[in-house]
Protein backbone atom coordinates (compact mmCIF):
# COMPACT_ATOMS: atom_id res chain seq x y z
CA UNK A 1 86.80 114.62 63.41
CA UNK A 2 89.84 116.78 62.76
CA UNK A 3 93.14 115.13 63.65
CA UNK A 4 95.28 118.06 62.61
CA UNK A 5 94.34 121.64 61.87
CA UNK A 6 96.73 124.38 60.80
CA UNK A 7 94.91 127.71 61.15
CA UNK A 8 95.50 130.42 58.60
CA UNK A 9 96.59 133.93 59.62
CA UNK A 10 92.98 135.17 59.81
CA UNK A 11 92.11 132.49 62.38
CA UNK A 12 94.93 133.35 64.81
CA UNK A 13 95.38 136.23 67.19
CA UNK A 14 98.56 138.32 66.91
CA UNK A 15 100.60 136.35 69.45
CA UNK A 16 99.68 133.01 67.91
CA UNK A 17 100.74 134.24 64.50
CA UNK A 18 104.08 135.66 65.69
CA UNK A 19 104.91 132.52 67.66
CA UNK A 20 103.86 130.29 64.77
CA UNK A 21 105.97 132.26 62.31
CA UNK A 22 108.96 132.18 64.65
CA UNK A 23 108.70 128.41 65.06
CA UNK A 24 108.35 127.99 61.30
CA UNK A 25 111.39 130.20 60.62
CA UNK A 26 109.37 132.89 58.80
CA UNK A 27 111.14 136.20 59.55
CA UNK A 28 108.66 138.36 57.61
CA UNK A 29 107.18 139.95 60.76
CA UNK A 30 110.51 140.41 62.53
CA UNK A 31 113.08 143.20 62.33
CA UNK A 32 116.71 142.28 61.74
CA UNK A 33 119.05 142.74 64.67
CA UNK A 34 121.11 145.44 62.93
CA UNK A 35 117.92 147.42 62.27
CA UNK A 36 116.84 147.17 65.92
CA UNK A 37 120.30 148.23 67.12
CA UNK A 38 120.28 151.24 64.79
CA UNK A 39 116.81 152.26 65.96
CA UNK A 40 117.96 152.13 69.58
CA UNK A 41 121.10 154.13 68.70
CA UNK A 42 118.84 156.92 67.43
CA UNK A 43 116.13 156.78 70.11
CA UNK A 44 118.20 156.04 73.22
CA UNK A 45 119.71 159.56 73.61
CA UNK A 46 116.23 161.08 73.54
CA UNK A 47 114.99 158.63 76.17
CA UNK A 48 117.98 159.31 78.41
CA UNK A 49 117.71 163.11 78.07
CA UNK A 50 115.31 163.35 81.00
CA UNK A 51 112.85 165.52 79.12
CA UNK A 52 109.95 166.41 81.44
CA UNK A 53 106.47 165.17 80.63
CA UNK A 54 103.61 167.63 80.97
CA UNK A 55 99.93 166.76 81.19
CA UNK A 56 97.41 168.71 79.16
CA UNK A 57 93.70 168.66 78.46
CA UNK A 58 92.33 166.59 75.58
CA UNK A 59 91.51 168.44 72.35
CA UNK A 60 94.00 171.21 73.12
CA UNK A 61 97.20 172.16 71.31
CA UNK A 62 99.30 170.68 74.10
CA UNK A 63 100.93 171.80 77.32
CA UNK A 64 101.61 175.49 77.75
CA UNK A 65 105.06 174.77 79.21
CA UNK A 66 106.42 173.72 75.81
CA UNK A 67 104.67 176.33 73.69
CA UNK A 68 107.67 178.69 73.48
CA UNK A 69 109.89 175.88 72.14
CA UNK A 70 107.48 174.53 69.51
CA UNK A 71 105.51 177.55 68.28
CA UNK A 72 106.52 178.48 64.73
CA UNK A 73 107.17 182.10 63.71
CA UNK A 74 103.80 183.82 63.34
CA UNK A 75 102.09 181.36 65.70
CA UNK A 76 99.74 178.45 65.08
CA UNK A 77 96.65 178.58 62.94
CA UNK A 78 93.77 176.52 64.31
CA UNK A 79 91.81 175.13 61.35
CA UNK A 80 88.84 174.26 63.59
CA UNK A 81 88.18 177.82 64.73
CA UNK A 82 86.31 179.91 62.16
CA UNK A 83 88.08 183.03 60.96
CA UNK A 84 86.83 186.37 62.37
CA UNK A 85 87.75 188.29 59.20
């Protein structure tokens, strides 16, 4: 009979571990508030920009609508396609 069992990290799922660490005061898995605020300061303008989202087929280079903005000078080189030279 086990009256008390404290599982190790390998025995817990992710939520159990995070909650257990929070209750124990272990901040190892948590970001500091100033770090989180700085991350939001950087990311928030991009999220608020209203950039359109385009769907594209799997295993392609991406949506054709954005190709002019992201294509480097000289174009892309697809390493999967064999050279015709």
